Amino acid sequence: MPAKEKIIYTCQKCGAQFPKWVGLCTDCGAWNSIVEDVVIKQNSRFAGYAATASNTVVNLLDVKLDSVPRFNAEISELDRVLGGGLVVGSVVLVGGDPGIGKSTLLLQALCNLGKEHSVLYVTGEESLQQIAMRARRLELPQDKLKLLAETQVERIMAIASEQKPQVMVIDSIQTIYTEVLQSAPGGVGQVRESAAQLVRFAKQSGTALFIVGHVTKEGTLAGPRVLEHMVDCVLYFEGDKDSRYRVIRATKNRFGAVNELGVFAMTDRGLREVSNPSAIFLSHYEKQVAGSSVMVTWEGSRPLLVEVQALVDESHLMNPKRVTVGLDLNRLAMLLAVLHRHGGVPTYNQDVFINVVGGVRVTETGADLALLLAVLSSMRDRPLDPNLIVFGEVGLAGEIRPVQSGQERLKAAVKHGFKKAIVPKANTPKKPLSEIEVIAVQTLSEALKAVR
């Protein structure tokens, strides 16, 4: 018997499904986001299912632990974010703002991989001529790269089955559609079903797959949240379009560290790796200024030196302003309350502006102490020691909590020429370091006294 068609109604915001059309999505609260989808329903839930050698039940002790096969893209920052290289049969989702460099980076990676591996670039947004023009402008090797302009997922998989690429790029998932559904490309149902078919193809054929995804105005990946759960790795491009630096961050990785960071510089020859990222996040002043402190944050598997700037000014508003760029706004409000309660420094009548230099986003709590010292420096209009490095988490009771990899952070500070460090007492090195003076503190008041 032929398969039956079933009509469902899907929310374009969150992917929730309903048996009939409604104006308000009860899951996410969005209005007028429900659209009609036609799904082909199989006659039997278990039709065509049979046990094979690949899906039989086995004992955990009988599973062989083979090493994960990887190959490098010859772009060390990308390989770092991927966890040491591209895994055979893995699916990587790449998201970022329009024009930030997603297609450029993947084109560079495929041209490099094409020297030793078979590669295929599938485009649904640009013409083949546009990709060729970009490759020539960037002076990339073009003789091994195969291109395909197609948007139907069934035809893409049929051609890929013939070409048998080891690495394939889909640019982008919002332009791909499947004939199983009748809705327009870019909808929740189309994105979910097309991605599911591509993931199954990658796992069965062993093809390493890159999928480009659009982002919303809030900065999250467009489409259903299940899209991020289906793939093995999720990479986000960050950075200001006006800045030449780009940061790529792994928010999910089944084969490596999460929150790994790769730094690139946008040039007229494409994206170039930044070998010493800490240098671009540190300002070099001819004269020391107040409101600036340097901290060591931990990103993935390496330390990163960044500068935290604070500007504190008298407020003429009923509710003083609290603005952060690169840090969590709610955590700033909490830390200012701790500074008042346990440090005796009130800011209830002050506007406080915080900025992390270089456009990097710091998510760990190790930036707490550096932030408060920068605020104190700005309030007193007194610069901190230019050779001082700071890190540590500040608790609600005014205690300074330790952070991970304290020894490696101090070694990174020594490498960049810093001579003095204020750190949590639990992060004090067991053997004194001759290159740097370490000041161990247990409370916020001790840290404030150390900079007076």
Protein backbone atom coordinates (compact mmCIF):
# COMPACT_ATOMS: atom_id res chain seq x y z
CA MET A 1 0.00 0.00 0.00
CA PRO A 2 1.27 3.52 -0.75
CA ALA A 3 2.37 5.74 2.10
CA LYS A 4 -0.24 8.07 3.55
CA GLU A 5 0.05 11.83 3.81
CA LYS A 6 -0.47 13.44 7.20
CA ILE A 7 -0.98 17.16 7.77
CA ILE A 8 0.57 18.66 10.88
CA TYR A 9 1.12 22.24 12.02
CA THR A 10 4.60 23.23 13.13
CA CYS A 11 5.86 26.30 15.02
CA GLN A 12 8.62 28.06 13.07
CA LYS A 13 10.19 29.35 16.29
CA CYS A 14 10.53 26.27 18.49
CA GLY A 15 9.47 23.32 16.30
CA ALA A 16 6.44 22.32 18.40
CA GLN A 17 3.79 20.35 16.47
CA PHE A 18 0.00 20.64 16.70
CA PRO A 19 -2.86 18.63 15.16
CA LYS A 20 -4.61 21.83 14.03
CA TRP A 21 -3.76 25.46 13.40
CA VAL A 22 -3.62 27.82 16.40
CA GLY A 23 -2.61 31.46 16.60
CA LEU A 24 -0.45 31.14 19.71
CA CYS A 25 2.25 28.50 20.23
CA THR A 26 1.70 27.13 23.72
CA ASP A 27 5.35 25.99 23.98
CA CYS A 28 7.27 29.21 23.22
CA GLY A 29 4.51 31.82 23.27
CA ALA A 30 5.08 33.06 19.70
CA TRP A 31 2.13 34.47 17.76
CA ASN A 32 1.33 33.56 14.13
CA SER A 33 4.31 31.20 13.87
CA ILE A 34 2.31 28.03 13.11
CA VAL A 35 2.51 26.79 9.50
CA GLU A 36 1.14 23.72 7.76
CA ASP A 37 3.43 20.78 6.96
CA VAL A 38 2.61 17.66 4.96
CA VAL A 39 4.40 14.53 6.19
CA ILE A 40 4.38 11.17 4.43
CA LYS A 41 3.42 8.59 7.01
CA GLN A 42 4.57 5.00 6.67
CA ASN A 43 1.92 2.27 6.93
CA SER A 44 3.76 0.45 9.68
CA ARG A 45 6.10 1.69 12.36
CA PHE A 46 8.33 -1.36 12.03
CA ALA A 47 8.15 -1.83 8.24
CA GLY A 48 11.49 -2.84 6.77
CA TYR A 49 13.14 -3.35 10.15
CA ALA A 50 15.34 -6.41 10.59
CA ALA A 51 18.22 -7.22 12.88
CA THR A 52 21.64 -6.98 11.25
CA ALA A 53 25.16 -7.34 12.46
CA SER A 54 25.37 -3.56 13.00
CA ASN A 55 22.31 -3.24 15.24
CA THR A 56 22.36 -6.43 17.32
CA VAL A 57 22.66 -6.23 21.10
CA VAL A 58 26.22 -6.67 22.39
CA ASN A 59 27.85 -6.63 25.80
CA LEU A 60 29.73 -3.48 26.77
CA LEU A 61 32.91 -5.48 27.45
CA ASP A 62 32.83 -6.84 23.89
CA VAL A 63 32.97 -3.38 22.29
CA LYS A 64 36.38 -2.78 20.68
CA LEU A 65 37.92 0.60 21.47
CA ASP A 66 39.65 1.67 18.28
CA SER A 67 41.32 5.04 17.92
CA VAL A 68 39.15 7.70 16.27
CA PRO A 69 40.47 8.32 12.74
CA ARG A 70 41.15 12.01 12.10
CA PHE A 71 42.71 14.11 9.38
CA ASN A 72 43.90 17.71 9.57
CA ALA A 73 42.49 20.62 7.59
CA GLU A 74 45.94 22.30 7.60
CA ILE A 75 44.37 25.19 9.53
CA SER A 76 45.69 24.69 13.05
CA GLU A 77 43.13 26.96 14.78
CA LEU A 78 40.26 25.07 13.14
CA ASP A 79 41.84 21.72 14.01
CA ARG A 80 42.23 22.89 17.61
CA VAL A 81 38.53 23.81 17.90
CA LEU A 82 37.54 20.46 16.36
CA GLY A 83 39.56 18.64 19.01
CA GLY A 84 42.64 17.75 16.98
CA GLY A 85 41.27 17.40 13.47
CA LEU A 86 38.24 16.30 11.51
CA VAL A 87 36.77 12.93 12.48
CA VAL A 88 35.63 10.50 9.78
CA GLY A 89 31.83 10.41 9.60
CA SER A 90 31.37 13.41 11.90
CA VAL A 91 28.84 16.20 11.35
CA VAL A 92 29.89 19.77 12.22
CA LEU A 93 27.37 22.62 12.39
CA VAL A 94 28.89 26.08 11.78
CA GLY A 95 26.86 29.16 12.73
CA GLY A 96 27.52 32.88 12.74
CA ASP A 97 26.32 36.29 11.59
CA PRO A 98 26.02 36.98 7.84
CA GLY A 99 29.34 37.98 6.28
CA ILE A 100 31.47 37.00 9.28
CA GLY A 101 33.49 34.44 7.29
CA LYS A 102 31.81 31.02 7.54
CA SER A 103 31.88 30.26 3.82
CA THR A 104 35.38 31.71 3.44
CA LEU A 105 36.84 29.50 6.17
CA LEU A 106 35.17 26.34 4.86
CA LEU A 107 36.29 27.10 1.31
CA GLN A 108 39.87 27.50 2.53
CA ALA A 109 39.63 24.26 4.51
CA LEU A 110 38.25 22.26 1.57
CA CYS A 111 40.88 23.59 -0.82
CA ASN A 112 43.58 22.48 1.63
CA LEU A 113 41.93 19.10 2.23
CA GLY A 114 41.55 18.58 -1.52
CA LYS A 115 45.30 18.04 -1.85
CA GLU A 116 45.05 14.59 -0.22
CA HIS A 117 41.30 13.87 0.11
CA SER A 118 38.25 13.94 -2.14
CA VAL A 119 36.05 16.93 -1.27
CA LEU A 120 32.68 18.31 -2.41
CA TYR A 121 31.28 21.82 -1.80
CA VAL A 122 27.47 21.99 -2.11
CA THR A 123 26.08 25.51 -2.37
CA GLY A 124 22.46 26.57 -2.20
CA GLU A 125 23.04 30.29 -1.69
CA GLU A 126 25.72 31.24 -4.20
CA SER A 127 26.38 30.39 -7.81
CA LEU A 128 29.38 28.36 -8.90
CA GLN A 129 30.84 31.49 -10.47
CA GLN A 130 30.73 33.35 -7.16
CA ILE A 131 32.61 30.57 -5.38
CA ALA A 132 35.18 30.40 -8.17
CA MET A 133 35.72 34.17 -7.98
CA ARG A 134 36.27 33.98 -4.23
CA ALA A 135 38.72 31.09 -4.54
CA ARG A 136 40.75 32.98 -7.15
CA ARG A 137 40.72 36.17 -5.12
CA LEU A 138 42.04 34.25 -2.12
CA GLU A 139 44.62 32.48 -4.33
CA LEU A 140 43.53 29.02 -3.19
CA PRO A 141 44.40 25.76 -4.97
CA GLN A 142 41.38 24.98 -7.15
CA ASP A 143 42.23 21.89 -9.16
CA LYS A 144 40.97 19.34 -6.58
CA LEU A 145 37.79 21.05 -5.33
CA LYS A 146 34.47 19.79 -6.73
CA LEU A 147 31.41 22.07 -6.66
CA LEU A 148 27.69 21.36 -6.79
CA ALA A 149 24.81 23.87 -6.90
CA GLU A 150 21.79 21.96 -5.59
CA THR A 151 19.10 22.43 -2.93
CA GLN A 152 17.17 19.13 -2.89
CA VAL A 153 18.62 16.82 -0.27
CA GLU A 154 17.71 13.61 -2.15
CA ARG A 155 19.64 14.71 -5.26
CA ILE A 156 22.57 15.88 -3.11
CA MET A 157 22.86 12.47 -1.46
CA ALA A 158 22.51 10.67 -4.81
CA ILE A 159 25.36 12.68 -6.34
CA ALA A 160 27.47 12.32 -3.20
CA SER A 161 26.95 8.55 -3.32
CA GLU A 162 28.45 8.56 -6.83
CA GLN A 163 31.32 10.96 -6.07
CA LYS A 164 32.10 9.42 -2.64
CA PRO A 165 33.67 12.55 -1.08
CA GLN A 166 35.56 12.18 2.17
CA VAL A 167 34.62 15.74 3.19
CA MET A 168 31.48 17.62 2.14
CA VAL A 169 30.13 21.11 2.91
CA ILE A 170 26.42 22.07 2.83
CA ASP A 171 26.05 25.85 2.52
CA SER A 172 23.52 26.36 3.98
CA ILE A 173 20.95 24.10 5.65
CA GLN A 174 18.27 26.83 5.43
CA THR A 175 18.30 26.55 1.61
CA ILE A 176 18.01 22.75 1.50
CA TYR A 177 14.64 21.02 1.20
CA THR A 178 13.31 17.48 0.99
CA GLU A 179 10.51 16.22 -1.23
CA VAL A 180 9.03 14.40 1.77
CA LEU A 181 7.61 17.72 3.04
CA GLN A 182 5.56 20.29 1.14
CA SER A 183 6.62 23.34 3.17
CA ALA A 184 9.06 25.99 1.94
CA PRO A 185 12.85 25.65 2.49
CA GLY A 186 14.05 27.19 5.75
CA GLY A 187 11.03 26.08 7.77
CA VAL A 188 11.38 24.09 10.95
CA GLY A 189 10.14 20.87 9.37
CA GLN A 190 12.38 21.19 6.29
CA VAL A 191 15.49 22.00 8.31
CA ARG A 192 14.88 19.14 10.75
CA GLU A 193 14.15 16.49 8.12
CA SER A 194 16.90 17.59 5.69
CA ALA A 195 19.48 17.64 8.47
CA ALA A 196 18.36 14.21 9.70
CA GLN A 197 18.84 12.70 6.21
CA LEU A 198 22.26 14.32 5.82
CA VAL A 199 23.38 13.07 9.25
CA ARG A 200 22.31 9.52 8.39
CA PHE A 201 24.18 9.74 5.09
CA ALA A 202 27.36 10.95 6.81
CA LYS A 203 27.28 8.16 9.39
CA GLN A 204 26.59 5.41 6.85
CA SER A 205 29.12 6.58 4.25
CA GLY A 206 31.84 7.83 6.61
CA THR A 207 31.77 11.30 5.05
CA ALA A 208 32.91 14.17 7.26
CA LEU A 209 30.19 16.78 6.85
CA PHE A 210 30.15 20.53 7.49
CA ILE A 211 26.71 22.17 7.67
CA VAL A 212 26.40 25.96 7.61
CA GLY A 213 23.51 27.37 9.63
CA HIS A 214 22.00 30.84 9.84
CA VAL A 215 21.62 32.64 13.16
CA THR A 216 18.76 34.73 14.51
CA LYS A 217 18.99 38.34 15.68
CA GLU A 218 19.55 37.01 19.21
CA GLY A 219 22.68 35.22 17.98
CA THR A 220 21.36 31.66 18.26
CA LEU A 221 21.16 29.15 15.44
CA ALA A 222 17.99 29.47 13.39
CA GLY A 223 15.69 26.48 13.07
CA PRO A 224 14.69 23.82 15.58
CA ARG A 225 16.82 23.25 18.65
CA VAL A 226 16.97 19.57 17.74
CA LEU A 227 19.36 20.53 14.94
CA GLU A 228 22.15 21.09 17.46
CA HIS A 229 21.40 17.77 19.16
CA MET A 230 21.70 15.82 15.89
CA VAL A 231 25.22 16.94 14.99
CA ASP A 232 28.52 15.97 16.64
CA CYS A 233 30.04 19.43 16.89
CA VAL A 234 28.62 22.97 16.99
CA LEU A 235 30.89 25.89 16.12
CA TYR A 236 29.97 29.56 16.52
CA PHE A 237 31.69 32.45 14.76
CA GLU A 238 31.99 35.51 16.99
CA GLY A 239 33.37 38.97 16.39
CA ASP A 240 32.46 42.45 15.25
CA LYS A 241 32.21 43.03 11.51
CA ASP A 242 34.14 46.27 11.98
CA SER A 243 37.02 44.35 13.55
CA ARG A 244 39.45 42.27 11.55
CA TYR A 245 39.56 39.53 14.18
CA ARG A 246 37.22 36.55 14.26
CA VAL A 247 36.78 34.03 17.07
CA ILE A 248 35.38 30.55 16.48
CA ARG A 249 34.15 28.72 19.57
CA ALA A 250 33.03 25.11 20.04
CA THR A 251 29.87 24.93 22.17
CA LYS A 252 29.43 21.19 21.62
CA ASN A 253 32.00 18.60 20.63
CA ARG A 254 31.70 14.83 21.00
CA PHE A 255 35.35 14.36 20.03
CA GLY A 256 37.10 17.15 21.93
CA ALA A 257 36.96 19.90 24.53
CA VAL A 258 33.95 22.19 24.77
CA ASN A 259 34.48 25.99 24.68
CA GLU A 260 37.70 25.54 22.72
CA LEU A 261 38.66 28.79 21.01
CA GLY A 262 40.26 29.55 17.66
CA VAL A 263 41.29 33.06 16.63
CA PHE A 264 41.56 34.32 13.05
CA ALA A 265 42.31 37.61 11.35
CA MET A 266 40.32 38.62 8.25
CA THR A 267 42.64 39.77 5.47
CA ASP A 268 42.40 40.33 1.73
CA ARG A 269 43.62 36.74 1.36
CA GLY A 270 40.93 35.25 3.59
CA LEU A 271 41.11 34.17 7.22
CA ARG A 272 44.59 33.87 8.67
CA GLU A 273 45.44 32.17 11.96
CA VAL A 274 46.56 34.23 14.95
CA SER A 275 49.43 32.34 16.54
CA ASN A 276 49.49 34.46 19.74
CA PRO A 277 45.87 35.42 20.52
CA SER A 278 46.73 37.05 23.86
CA ALA A 279 48.65 39.80 22.07
CA ILE A 280 45.54 41.12 20.30
CA PHE A 281 43.51 41.30 23.52
CA LEU A 282 46.08 43.37 25.42
CA SER A 283 46.35 47.14 24.98
CA HIS A 284 49.75 48.81 24.97
CA TYR A 285 49.50 52.22 26.60
CA GLU A 286 52.22 54.85 26.42
CA LYS A 287 50.89 56.08 29.74
CA GLN A 288 49.05 53.88 32.23
CA VAL A 289 45.34 54.59 32.55
CA ALA A 290 42.90 53.86 35.35
CA GLY A 291 40.16 51.26 35.03
CA SER A 292 42.18 48.55 33.30
CA SER A 293 43.20 45.12 34.58
CA VAL A 294 44.61 42.03 32.87
CA MET A 295 43.33 38.54 33.63
CA VAL A 296 44.07 35.02 32.45
CA THR A 297 40.96 33.19 31.26
CA TRP A 298 40.85 29.51 30.34
CA GLU A 299 39.36 28.70 26.95
CA GLY A 300 39.09 25.02 26.12
CA SER A 301 42.61 23.68 26.55
CA ARG A 302 44.71 26.84 26.66
CA PRO A 303 45.08 30.05 28.71
CA LEU A 304 44.24 33.39 27.16
CA LEU A 305 45.28 36.80 28.46
CA VAL A 306 42.59 39.45 28.07
CA GLU A 307 42.19 43.02 29.29
CA VAL A 308 39.11 44.06 31.25
CA GLN A 309 38.26 47.77 31.13
CA ALA A 310 35.92 49.57 33.51
CA LEU A 311 34.51 53.09 33.46
CA VAL A 312 32.78 54.32 36.62
CA ASP A 313 31.12 57.73 36.57
CA GLU A 314 28.66 59.62 38.73
CA SER A 315 25.10 58.88 37.72
CA HIS A 316 22.33 61.47 37.41
CA LEU A 317 19.61 58.88 36.93
CA MET A 318 17.26 57.25 39.41
CA ASN A 319 18.59 53.86 38.28
CA PRO A 320 22.32 53.97 37.46
CA LYS A 321 23.37 52.28 34.26
CA ARG A 322 25.04 48.87 34.18
CA VAL A 323 26.48 47.98 30.76
CA THR A 324 28.74 45.04 29.87
CA VAL A 325 30.37 43.98 26.61
CA GLY A 326 31.83 40.47 26.68
CA LEU A 327 30.67 39.66 30.23
CA ASP A 328 27.39 38.68 31.89
CA LEU A 329 25.34 41.72 32.98
CA ASN A 330 23.62 39.89 35.83
CA ARG A 331 26.95 38.78 37.27
CA LEU A 332 28.18 42.39 37.21
CA ALA A 333 25.22 43.46 39.36
CA MET A 334 25.96 40.67 41.82
CA LEU A 335 29.67 41.50 42.02
CA LEU A 336 28.98 45.19 42.64
CA ALA A 337 26.78 44.20 45.58
CA VAL A 338 29.62 42.04 46.95
CA LEU A 339 32.04 44.94 46.48
CA HIS A 340 29.76 47.17 48.56
CA ARG A 341 29.00 44.64 51.29
CA HIS A 342 32.44 43.06 51.79
CA GLY A 343 34.74 45.71 50.31
CA GLY A 344 33.07 48.86 51.61
CA VAL A 345 32.96 50.42 48.12
CA PRO A 346 29.44 51.61 47.18
CA THR A 347 28.43 52.02 43.54
CA TYR A 348 24.67 52.60 43.92
CA ASN A 349 25.06 56.20 42.66
CA GLN A 350 27.55 55.36 39.88
CA ASP A 351 27.17 54.32 36.25
CA VAL A 352 29.35 51.28 35.58
CA PHE A 353 30.50 50.28 32.08
CA ILE A 354 32.54 47.10 31.50
CA ASN A 355 34.31 46.05 28.29
CA VAL A 356 36.50 43.09 27.36
CA VAL A 357 39.12 44.22 24.83
CA GLY A 358 39.20 42.55 21.42
CA GLY A 359 35.55 41.51 21.25
CA VAL A 360 36.11 38.21 23.06
CA ARG A 361 33.31 36.89 25.27
CA VAL A 362 34.40 35.64 28.72
CA THR A 363 31.99 33.14 30.26
CA GLU A 364 33.99 31.74 33.19
CA THR A 365 33.86 33.09 36.73
CA GLY A 366 37.63 33.53 36.90
CA ALA A 367 37.14 37.10 35.61
CA ASP A 368 35.35 38.23 38.81
CA LEU A 369 38.37 39.54 40.70
CA ALA A 370 39.86 41.30 37.67
CA LEU A 371 36.53 43.01 37.01
CA LEU A 372 36.22 44.34 40.55
CA LEU A 373 39.81 45.61 40.62
CA ALA A 374 39.20 47.42 37.32
CA VAL A 375 36.07 49.02 38.81
CA LEU A 376 38.02 50.08 41.91
CA SER A 377 40.83 51.50 39.77
CA SER A 378 38.38 53.59 37.75
CA MET A 379 36.58 54.89 40.85
CA ARG A 380 39.85 55.99 42.46
CA ASP A 381 41.31 57.18 39.15
CA ARG A 382 44.44 55.25 40.06
CA PRO A 383 46.05 52.88 37.51
CA LEU A 384 46.96 49.37 38.55
CA ASP A 385 50.50 48.03 38.26
CA PRO A 386 51.13 47.39 34.51
CA ASN A 387 52.97 44.16 35.43
CA LEU A 388 50.01 42.81 37.44
CA ILE A 389 47.93 39.81 36.40
CA VAL A 390 44.70 38.85 38.22
CA PHE A 391 42.28 35.93 38.27
CA GLY A 392 39.87 34.38 40.75
CA GLU A 393 36.18 33.79 41.43
CA VAL A 394 34.43 36.02 43.98
CA GLY A 395 31.74 34.41 46.16
CA LEU A 396 28.74 36.08 47.75
CA ALA A 397 30.40 35.92 51.17
CA GLY A 398 33.38 37.88 49.84
CA GLU A 399 35.64 34.82 49.60
CA ILE A 400 38.04 34.32 46.68
CA ARG A 401 37.48 30.87 45.20
CA PRO A 402 40.05 28.93 43.15
CA VAL A 403 39.77 28.38 39.41
CA GLN A 404 40.91 25.51 37.23
CA SER A 405 44.44 25.26 35.79
CA GLY A 406 45.94 27.92 38.06
CA GLN A 407 49.52 26.78 37.41
CA GLU A 408 49.11 26.99 33.65
CA ARG A 409 47.62 30.48 33.95
CA LEU A 410 50.64 31.68 35.91
CA LYS A 411 53.02 30.17 33.38
CA ALA A 412 51.16 31.99 30.59
CA ALA A 413 51.51 35.25 32.53
CA VAL A 414 55.24 34.70 32.96
CA LYS A 415 55.55 33.99 29.24
CA HIS A 416 54.07 37.41 28.45
CA GLY A 417 56.34 39.25 30.87
CA PHE A 418 54.11 39.85 33.90
CA LYS A 419 55.96 40.13 37.23
CA LYS A 420 53.15 40.14 39.77
CA ALA A 421 49.95 38.12 40.25
CA ILE A 422 46.98 38.25 42.62
CA VAL A 423 45.46 34.77 42.77
CA PRO A 424 43.23 32.69 45.08
CA LYS A 425 45.16 31.08 47.91
CA ALA A 426 44.17 27.59 46.71
CA ASN A 427 45.87 28.34 43.36
CA THR A 428 49.20 29.23 44.97
CA PRO A 429 52.02 27.15 43.43
CA LYS A 430 53.57 24.58 45.74
CA LYS A 431 57.03 25.69 44.63
CA PRO A 432 57.63 29.47 44.51
CA LEU A 433 58.13 30.88 41.02
CA SER A 434 61.22 33.02 40.61
CA GLU A 435 59.88 34.86 37.58
CA ILE A 436 56.71 36.23 39.18
CA GLU A 437 55.60 37.43 42.61
CA VAL A 438 52.42 35.61 43.64
CA ILE A 439 50.09 37.30 46.14
CA ALA A 440 47.60 34.76 47.52
CA VAL A 441 44.31 36.12 48.84
CA GLN A 442 41.37 34.46 50.58
CA THR A 443 38.91 37.34 50.78
CA LEU A 444 37.96 40.35 48.72
CA SER A 445 39.21 42.74 51.39
CA GLU A 446 42.69 41.16 51.16
CA ALA A 447 42.69 41.64 47.39
CA LEU A 448 41.68 45.30 47.74
CA LYS A 449 44.47 45.90 50.26
CA ALA A 450 46.99 44.34 47.86
CA VAL A 451 46.39 47.07 45.26
CA ARG A 452 46.29 50.04 47.67
